[in-house]
């Protein structure tokens, strides 16, 4: 019996399973939600009439997102 070295051809592919399909679907949904949310933030920034207001709005978004992340992290730490 001869053993193949890592990366040597032919590479055996494992069959796609239902679990893989579910994971791919979940990843695609998460990616879509991220891009929709980021698009909303970008739309808000592009509505600002001046560069200074764009930067101010960006700082507000950053502060709000960081505050939400801190709040959720604290809840999860308390929960266990």
PDB file of N, CA and C in Angstrom:
ATOM      1  N   UNK A   1       0.852  -1.179   0.000  1.00  0.00           N
ATOM      2  CA  UNK A   1       0.000   0.000   0.000  1.00  0.00           C
ATOM      3  C   UNK A   1       0.892   1.234   0.000  1.00  0.00           C
ATOM      4  N   UNK A   2       0.664   2.101  -0.943  1.00  0.00           N
ATOM      5  CA  UNK A   2       1.449   3.335  -0.995  1.00  0.00           C
ATOM      6  C   UNK A   2       0.627   4.469  -0.425  1.00  0.00           C
ATOM      7  N   UNK A   3       1.302   5.271   0.350  1.00  0.00           N
ATOM      8  CA  UNK A   3       0.619   6.431   0.943  1.00  0.00           C
ATOM      9  C   UNK A   3       0.952   7.655   0.121  1.00  0.00           C
ATOM     10  N   UNK A   4      -0.014   8.495  -0.042  1.00  0.00           N
ATOM     11  CA  UNK A   4       0.195   9.735  -0.780  1.00  0.00           C
ATOM     12  C   UNK A   4       0.634  10.819   0.189  1.00  0.00           C
ATOM     13  N   UNK A   5       1.458  11.711  -0.297  1.00  0.00           N
ATOM     14  CA  UNK A   5       1.901  12.838   0.511  1.00  0.00           C
ATOM     15  C   UNK A   5       0.788  13.877   0.564  1.00  0.00           C
ATOM     16  N   UNK A   6       0.751  14.690   1.624  1.00  0.00           N
ATOM     17  CA  UNK A   6      -0.278  15.731   1.704  1.00  0.00           C
ATOM     18  C   UNK A   6      -0.243  16.635   0.470  1.00  0.00           C
ATOM     19  N   UNK A   7      -1.412  16.875  -0.083  1.00  0.00           N
ATOM     20  CA  UNK A   7      -1.530  17.734  -1.253  1.00  0.00           C
ATOM     21  C   UNK A   7      -1.317  17.021  -2.571  1.00  0.00           C
ATOM     22  N   UNK A   8      -0.976  15.745  -2.527  1.00  0.00           N
ATOM     23  CA  UNK A   8      -0.732  14.993  -3.746  1.00  0.00           C
ATOM     24  C   UNK A   8      -2.057  14.604  -4.396  1.00  0.00           C
ATOM     25  N   UNK A   9      -2.064  14.547  -5.724  1.00  0.00           N
ATOM     26  CA  UNK A   9      -3.273  14.203  -6.457  1.00  0.00           C
ATOM     27  C   UNK A   9      -3.435  12.709  -6.505  1.00  0.00           C
ATOM     28  N   UNK A  10      -4.614  12.173  -6.626  1.00  0.00           N
ATOM     29  CA  UNK A  10      -5.902  12.852  -6.606  1.00  0.00           C
ATOM     30  C   UNK A  10      -6.352  13.126  -5.171  1.00  0.00           C
ATOM     31  N   UNK A  11      -6.984  14.243  -5.012  1.00  0.00           N
ATOM     32  CA  UNK A  11      -7.513  14.622  -3.711  1.00  0.00           C
ATOM     33  C   UNK A  11      -8.914  14.046  -3.599  1.00  0.00           C
ATOM     34  N   UNK A  12      -9.145  13.298  -2.539  1.00  0.00           N
ATOM     35  CA  UNK A  12     -10.484  12.741  -2.333  1.00  0.00           C
ATOM     36  C   UNK A  12     -11.346  13.798  -1.665  1.00  0.00           C
ATOM     37  N   UNK A  13     -12.470  14.044  -2.261  1.00  0.00           N
ATOM     38  CA  UNK A  13     -13.410  15.007  -1.684  1.00  0.00           C
ATOM     39  C   UNK A  13     -14.446  14.251  -0.880  1.00  0.00           C
ATOM     40  N   UNK A  14     -14.730  14.808   0.284  1.00  0.00           N
ATOM     41  CA  UNK A  14     -15.758  14.167   1.093  1.00  0.00           C
ATOM     42  C   UNK A  14     -17.128  14.575   0.567  1.00  0.00           C
ATOM     43  N   UNK A  15     -18.093  13.699   0.663  1.00  0.00           N
ATOM     44  CA  UNK A  15     -19.427  14.026   0.147  1.00  0.00           C
ATOM     45  C   UNK A  15     -20.085  15.139   0.966  1.00  0.00           C
ATOM     46  N   UNK A  16     -20.797  15.982   0.269  1.00  0.00           N
ATOM     47  CA  UNK A  16     -21.526  17.060   0.948  1.00  0.00           C
ATOM     48  C   UNK A  16     -22.652  16.445   1.761  1.00  0.00           C
ATOM     49  N   UNK A  17     -22.801  16.907   2.968  1.00  0.00           N
ATOM     50  CA  UNK A  17     -23.860  16.378   3.822  1.00  0.00           C
ATOM     51  C   UNK A  17     -24.864  17.470   4.133  1.00  0.00           C
ATOM     52  N   UNK A  18     -25.941  17.080   4.751  1.00  0.00           N
ATOM     53  CA  UNK A  18     -26.983  18.042   5.124  1.00  0.00           C
ATOM     54  C   UNK A  18     -26.444  19.043   6.133  1.00  0.00           C
ATOM     55  N   UNK A  19     -25.537  18.595   7.013  1.00  0.00           N
ATOM     56  CA  UNK A  19     -24.957  19.498   8.007  1.00  0.00           C
ATOM     57  C   UNK A  19     -24.156  20.584   7.304  1.00  0.00           C
ATOM     58  N   UNK A  20     -23.358  20.192   6.312  1.00  0.00           N
ATOM     59  CA  UNK A  20     -22.585  21.175   5.561  1.00  0.00           C
ATOM     60  C   UNK A  20     -23.507  22.182   4.881  1.00  0.00           C
ATOM     61  N   UNK A  21     -24.612  21.688   4.327  1.00  0.00           N
ATOM     62  CA  UNK A  21     -25.558  22.582   3.661  1.00  0.00           C
ATOM     63  C   UNK A  21     -26.170  23.570   4.651  1.00  0.00           C
ATOM     64  N   UNK A  22     -26.494  23.076   5.845  1.00  0.00           N
ATOM     65  CA  UNK A  22     -27.058  23.963   6.870  1.00  0.00           C
ATOM     66  C   UNK A  22     -26.036  25.011   7.300  1.00  0.00           C
ATOM     67  N   UNK A  23     -24.784  24.600   7.455  1.00  0.00           N
ATOM     68  CA  UNK A  23     -23.738  25.541   7.847  1.00  0.00           C
ATOM     69  C   UNK A  23     -23.518  26.590   6.760  1.00  0.00           C
ATOM     70  N   UNK A  24     -23.524  26.147   5.510  1.00  0.00           N
ATOM     71  CA  UNK A  24     -23.363  27.096   4.399  1.00  0.00           C
ATOM     72  C   UNK A  24     -24.516  28.086   4.359  1.00  0.00           C
ATOM     73  N   UNK A  25     -25.730  27.598   4.582  1.00  0.00           N
ATOM     74  CA  UNK A  25     -26.900  28.478   4.573  1.00  0.00           C
ATOM     75  C   UNK A  25     -26.824  29.489   5.711  1.00  0.00           C
ATOM     76  N   UNK A  26     -26.401  29.035   6.892  1.00  0.00           N
ATOM     77  CA  UNK A  26     -26.278  29.945   8.029  1.00  0.00           C
ATOM     78  C   UNK A  26     -25.201  30.996   7.763  1.00  0.00           C
ATOM     79  N   UNK A  27     -24.075  30.582   7.210  1.00  0.00           N
ATOM     80  CA  UNK A  27     -23.003  31.520   6.891  1.00  0.00           C
ATOM     81  C   UNK A  27     -23.465  32.542   5.857  1.00  0.00           C
ATOM     82  N   UNK A  28     -24.191  32.085   4.853  1.00  0.00           N
ATOM     83  CA  UNK A  28     -24.700  32.999   3.828  1.00  0.00           C
ATOM     84  C   UNK A  28     -25.682  34.001   4.426  1.00  0.00           C
ATOM     85  N   UNK A  29     -26.533  33.548   5.340  1.00  0.00           N
ATOM     86  CA  UNK A  29     -27.491  34.454   5.987  1.00  0.00           C
ATOM     87  C   UNK A  29     -26.771  35.487   6.843  1.00  0.00           C
ATOM     88  N   UNK A  30     -25.748  35.047   7.586  1.00  0.00           N
ATOM     89  CA  UNK A  30     -24.984  35.983   8.415  1.00  0.00           C
ATOM     90  C   UNK A  30     -24.263  37.014   7.554  1.00  0.00           C
ATOM     91  N   UNK A  31     -23.679  36.553   6.458  1.00  0.00           N
ATOM     92  CA  UNK A  31     -22.970  37.457   5.547  1.00  0.00           C
ATOM     93  C   UNK A  31     -23.938  38.466   4.935  1.00  0.00           C
ATOM     94  N   UNK A  32     -25.114  38.006   4.550  1.00  0.00           N
ATOM     95  CA  UNK A  32     -26.116  38.902   3.964  1.00  0.00           C
ATOM     96  C   UNK A  32     -26.565  39.950   4.974  1.00  0.00           C
ATOM     97  N   UNK A  33     -26.817  39.519   6.214  1.00  0.00           N
ATOM     98  CA  UNK A  33     -27.229  40.467   7.253  1.00  0.00           C
ATOM     99  C   UNK A  33     -26.142  41.515   7.487  1.00  0.00           C
ATOM    100  N   UNK A  34     -24.890  41.084   7.509  1.00  0.00           N
ATOM    101  CA  UNK A  34     -23.772  42.010   7.700  1.00  0.00           C
ATOM    102  C   UNK A  34     -23.750  43.060   6.592  1.00  0.00           C
ATOM    103  N   UNK A  35     -23.888  42.621   5.343  1.00  0.00           N
ATOM    104  CA  UNK A  35     -23.812  43.556   4.221  1.00  0.00           C
ATOM    105  C   UNK A  35     -25.017  44.491   4.162  1.00  0.00           C
ATOM    106  N   UNK A  36     -26.190  44.004   4.528  1.00  0.00           N
ATOM    107  CA  UNK A  36     -27.372  44.872   4.568  1.00  0.00           C
ATOM    108  C   UNK A  36     -27.184  45.944   5.633  1.00  0.00           C
ATOM    109  N   UNK A  37     -26.699  45.528   6.798  1.00  0.00           N
ATOM    110  CA  UNK A  37     -26.474  46.477   7.888  1.00  0.00           C
ATOM    111  C   UNK A  37     -25.409  47.490   7.512  1.00  0.00           C
ATOM    112  N   UNK A  38     -24.312  47.015   6.958  1.00  0.00           N
ATOM    113  CA  UNK A  38     -23.238  47.917   6.550  1.00  0.00           C
ATOM    114  C   UNK A  38     -23.714  48.876   5.465  1.00  0.00           C
ATOM    115  N   UNK A  39     -24.571  48.400   4.578  1.00  0.00           N
ATOM    116  CA  UNK A  39     -25.139  49.267   3.549  1.00  0.00           C
ATOM    117  C   UNK A  39     -25.997  50.364   4.148  1.00  0.00           C
ATOM    118  N   UNK A  40     -26.721  50.044   5.208  1.00  0.00           N
ATOM    119  CA  UNK A  40     -27.537  51.058   5.888  1.00  0.00           C
ATOM    120  C   UNK A  40     -26.665  52.126   6.529  1.00  0.00           C
ATOM    121  N   UNK A  41     -25.582  51.702   7.150  1.00  0.00           N
ATOM    122  CA  UNK A  41     -24.660  52.666   7.759  1.00  0.00           C
ATOM    123  C   UNK A  41     -24.065  53.558   6.670  1.00  0.00           C
ATOM    124  N   UNK A  42     -23.646  52.947   5.570  1.00  0.00           N
ATOM    125  CA  UNK A  42     -23.062  53.719   4.466  1.00  0.00           C
ATOM    126  C   UNK A  42     -24.071  54.721   3.910  1.00  0.00           C
ATOM    127  N   UNK A  43     -25.326  54.307   3.764  1.00  0.00           N
ATOM    128  CA  UNK A  43     -26.359  55.213   3.253  1.00  0.00           C
ATOM    129  C   UNK A  43     -26.515  56.412   4.177  1.00  0.00           C
ATOM    130  N   UNK A  44     -26.496  56.162   5.485  1.00  0.00           N
ATOM    131  CA  UNK A  44     -26.594  57.266   6.434  1.00  0.00           C
ATOM    132  C   UNK A  44     -25.403  58.208   6.287  1.00  0.00           C
ATOM    133  N   UNK A  45     -24.215  57.648   6.155  1.00  0.00           N
ATOM    134  CA  UNK A  45     -23.023  58.491   6.014  1.00  0.00           C
ATOM    135  C   UNK A  45     -23.063  59.308   4.722  1.00  0.00           C
ATOM    136  N   UNK A  46     -23.534  58.704   3.655  1.00  0.00           N
ATOM    137  CA  UNK A  46     -23.581  59.418   2.377  1.00  0.00           C
ATOM    138  C   UNK A  46     -24.637  60.514   2.359  1.00  0.00           C
ATOM    139  N   UNK A  47     -25.609  60.458   3.262  1.00  0.00           N
ATOM    140  CA  UNK A  47     -26.629  61.507   3.344  1.00  0.00           C
ATOM    141  C   UNK A  47     -26.103  62.770   4.021  1.00  0.00           C
ATOM    142  N   UNK A  48     -24.972  62.659   4.701  1.00  0.00           N
ATOM    143  CA  UNK A  48     -24.437  63.813   5.424  1.00  0.00           C
ATOM    144  C   UNK A  48     -23.921  64.851   4.424  1.00  0.00           C
ATOM    145  N   UNK A  49     -24.227  66.135   4.655  1.00  0.00           N
ATOM    146  CA  UNK A  49     -23.916  67.166   3.667  1.00  0.00           C
ATOM    147  C   UNK A  49     -22.459  67.632   3.623  1.00  0.00           C
ATOM    148  N   UNK A  50     -21.662  67.356   4.646  1.00  0.00           N
ATOM    149  CA  UNK A  50     -20.278  67.850   4.622  1.00  0.00           C
ATOM    150  C   UNK A  50     -19.332  66.783   5.164  1.00  0.00           C
ATOM    151  N   UNK A  51     -18.053  66.890   4.815  1.00  0.00           N
ATOM    152  CA  UNK A  51     -17.082  65.921   5.327  1.00  0.00           C
ATOM    153  C   UNK A  51     -17.035  65.872   6.856  1.00  0.00           C
ATOM    154  N   UNK A  52     -17.163  67.010   7.499  1.00  0.00           N
ATOM    155  CA  UNK A  52     -17.133  67.040   8.966  1.00  0.00           C
ATOM    156  C   UNK A  52     -18.318  66.277   9.549  1.00  0.00           C
ATOM    157  N   UNK A  53     -19.485  66.428   8.931  1.00  0.00           N
ATOM    158  CA  UNK A  53     -20.667  65.718   9.423  1.00  0.00           C
ATOM    159  C   UNK A  53     -20.584  64.221   9.127  1.00  0.00           C
ATOM    160  N   UNK A  54     -19.928  63.855   8.027  1.00  0.00           N
ATOM    161  CA  UNK A  54     -19.716  62.433   7.731  1.00  0.00           C
ATOM    162  C   UNK A  54     -18.875  61.808   8.842  1.00  0.00           C
ATOM    163  N   UNK A  55     -17.792  62.488   9.217  1.00  0.00           N
ATOM    164  CA  UNK A  55     -16.923  61.969  10.273  1.00  0.00           C
ATOM    165  C   UNK A  55     -17.635  61.926  11.623  1.00  0.00           C
ATOM    166  N   UNK A  56     -18.430  62.947  11.908  1.00  0.00           N
ATOM    167  CA  UNK A  56     -19.181  62.969  13.169  1.00  0.00           C
ATOM    168  C   UNK A  56     -20.183  61.816  13.216  1.00  0.00           C
ATOM    169  N   UNK A  57     -20.878  61.585  12.109  1.00  0.00           N
ATOM    170  CA  UNK A  57     -21.835  60.475  12.054  1.00  0.00           C
ATOM    171  C   UNK A  57     -21.107  59.138  12.197  1.00  0.00           C
ATOM    172  N   UNK A  58     -19.946  59.025  11.581  1.00  0.00           N
ATOM    173  CA  UNK A  58     -19.150  57.806  11.715  1.00  0.00           C
ATOM    174  C   UNK A  58     -18.756  57.548  13.152  1.00  0.00           C
ATOM    175  N   UNK A  59     -18.380  58.600  13.863  1.00  0.00           N
ATOM    176  CA  UNK A  59     -18.041  58.449  15.282  1.00  0.00           C
ATOM    177  C   UNK A  59     -19.263  58.040  16.101  1.00  0.00           C
ATOM    178  N   UNK A  60     -20.431  58.602  15.768  1.00  0.00           N
ATOM    179  CA  UNK A  60     -21.658  58.205  16.480  1.00  0.00           C
ATOM    180  C   UNK A  60     -21.960  56.728  16.257  1.00  0.00           C
ATOM    181  N   UNK A  61     -21.832  56.265  15.008  1.00  0.00           N
ATOM    182  CA  UNK A  61     -22.068  54.852  14.711  1.00  0.00           C
ATOM    183  C   UNK A  61     -21.082  53.982  15.488  1.00  0.00           C
ATOM    184  N   UNK A  62     -19.813  54.379  15.485  1.00  0.00           N
ATOM    185  CA  UNK A  62     -18.792  53.605  16.189  1.00  0.00           C
ATOM    186  C   UNK A  62     -19.103  53.514  17.676  1.00  0.00           C
ATOM    187  N   UNK A  63     -19.476  54.635  18.271  1.00  0.00           N
ATOM    188  CA  UNK A  63     -19.802  54.669  19.697  1.00  0.00           C
ATOM    189  C   UNK A  63     -21.013  53.790  20.001  1.00  0.00           C
ATOM    190  N   UNK A  64     -22.041  53.881  19.172  1.00  0.00           N
ATOM    191  CA  UNK A  64     -23.262  53.100  19.399  1.00  0.00           C
ATOM    192  C   UNK A  64     -22.995  51.599  19.265  1.00  0.00           C
ATOM    193  N   UNK A  65     -22.232  51.215  18.256  1.00  0.00           N
ATOM    194  CA  UNK A  65     -21.942  49.792  18.040  1.00  0.00           C
ATOM    195  C   UNK A  65     -21.084  49.245  19.176  1.00  0.00           C
ATOM    196  N   UNK A  66     -20.087  50.020  19.599  1.00  0.00           N
ATOM    197  CA  UNK A  66     -19.234  49.583  20.703  1.00  0.00           C
ATOM    198  C   UNK A  66     -20.033  49.444  21.994  1.00  0.00           C
ATOM    199  N   UNK A  67     -20.948  50.372  22.238  1.00  0.00           N
ATOM    200  CA  UNK A  67     -21.790  50.297  23.440  1.00  0.00           C
ATOM    201  C   UNK A  67     -22.669  49.044  23.404  1.00  0.00           C
ATOM    202  N   UNK A  68     -23.239  48.734  22.239  1.00  0.00           N
ATOM    203  CA  UNK A  68     -24.051  47.515  22.125  1.00  0.00           C
ATOM    204  C   UNK A  68     -23.210  46.273  22.377  1.00  0.00           C
ATOM    205  N   UNK A  69     -22.013  46.235  21.805  1.00  0.00           N
ATOM    206  CA  UNK A  69     -21.139  45.075  21.989  1.00  0.00           C
ATOM    207  C   UNK A  69     -20.773  44.905  23.460  1.00  0.00           C
ATOM    208  N   UNK A  70     -20.459  46.002  24.139  1.00  0.00           N
ATOM    209  CA  UNK A  70     -20.137  45.936  25.569  1.00  0.00           C
ATOM    210  C   UNK A  70     -21.316  45.407  26.377  1.00  0.00           C
ATOM    211  N   UNK A  71     -22.507  45.900  26.067  1.00  0.00           N
ATOM    212  CA  UNK A  71     -23.715  45.476  26.779  1.00  0.00           C
ATOM    213  C   UNK A  71     -23.974  43.982  26.600  1.00  0.00           C
ATOM    214  N   UNK A  72     -23.873  43.504  25.377  1.00  0.00           N
ATOM    215  CA  UNK A  72     -24.129  42.086  25.095  1.00  0.00           C
ATOM    216  C   UNK A  72     -23.062  41.211  25.741  1.00  0.00           C
ATOM    217  N   UNK A  73     -21.805  41.651  25.685  1.00  0.00           N
ATOM    218  CA  UNK A  73     -20.724  40.881  26.309  1.00  0.00           C
ATOM    219  C   UNK A  73     -20.931  40.782  27.816  1.00  0.00           C
ATOM    220  N   UNK A  74     -21.345  41.867  28.452  1.00  0.00           N
ATOM    221  CA  UNK A  74     -21.595  41.838  29.896  1.00  0.00           C
ATOM    222  C   UNK A  74     -22.730  40.880  30.243  1.00  0.00           C
ATOM    223  N   UNK A  75     -23.802  40.896  29.449  1.00  0.00           N
ATOM    224  CA  UNK A  75     -24.921  39.975  29.690  1.00  0.00           C
ATOM    225  C   UNK A  75     -24.460  38.528  29.599  1.00  0.00           C
ATOM    226  N   UNK A  76     -23.631  38.234  28.613  1.00  0.00           N
ATOM    227  CA  UNK A  76     -23.166  36.855  28.432  1.00  0.00           C
ATOM    228  C   UNK A  76     -22.201  36.438  29.532  1.00  0.00           C
ATOM    229  N   UNK A  77     -21.398  37.372  30.014  1.00  0.00           N
ATOM    230  CA  UNK A  77     -20.504  37.049  31.135  1.00  0.00           C
ATOM    231  C   UNK A  77     -21.317  36.718  32.382  1.00  0.00           C
ATOM    232  N   UNK A  78     -22.370  37.495  32.616  1.00  0.00           N
ATOM    233  CA  UNK A  78     -23.226  37.252  33.787  1.00  0.00           C
ATOM    234  C   UNK A  78     -23.954  35.920  33.670  1.00  0.00           C
ATOM    235  N   UNK A  79     -24.373  35.601  32.437  1.00  0.00           N
ATOM    236  CA  UNK A  79     -25.133  34.367  32.213  1.00  0.00           C
ATOM    237  C   UNK A  79     -24.257  33.121  32.381  1.00  0.00           C
ATOM    238  N   UNK A  80     -22.978  33.297  32.203  1.00  0.00           N
ATOM    239  CA  UNK A  80     -22.177  32.152  32.491  1.00  0.00           C
ATOM    240  C   UNK A  80     -21.184  31.717  31.549  1.00  0.00           C
TER     241      UNK A  80
END
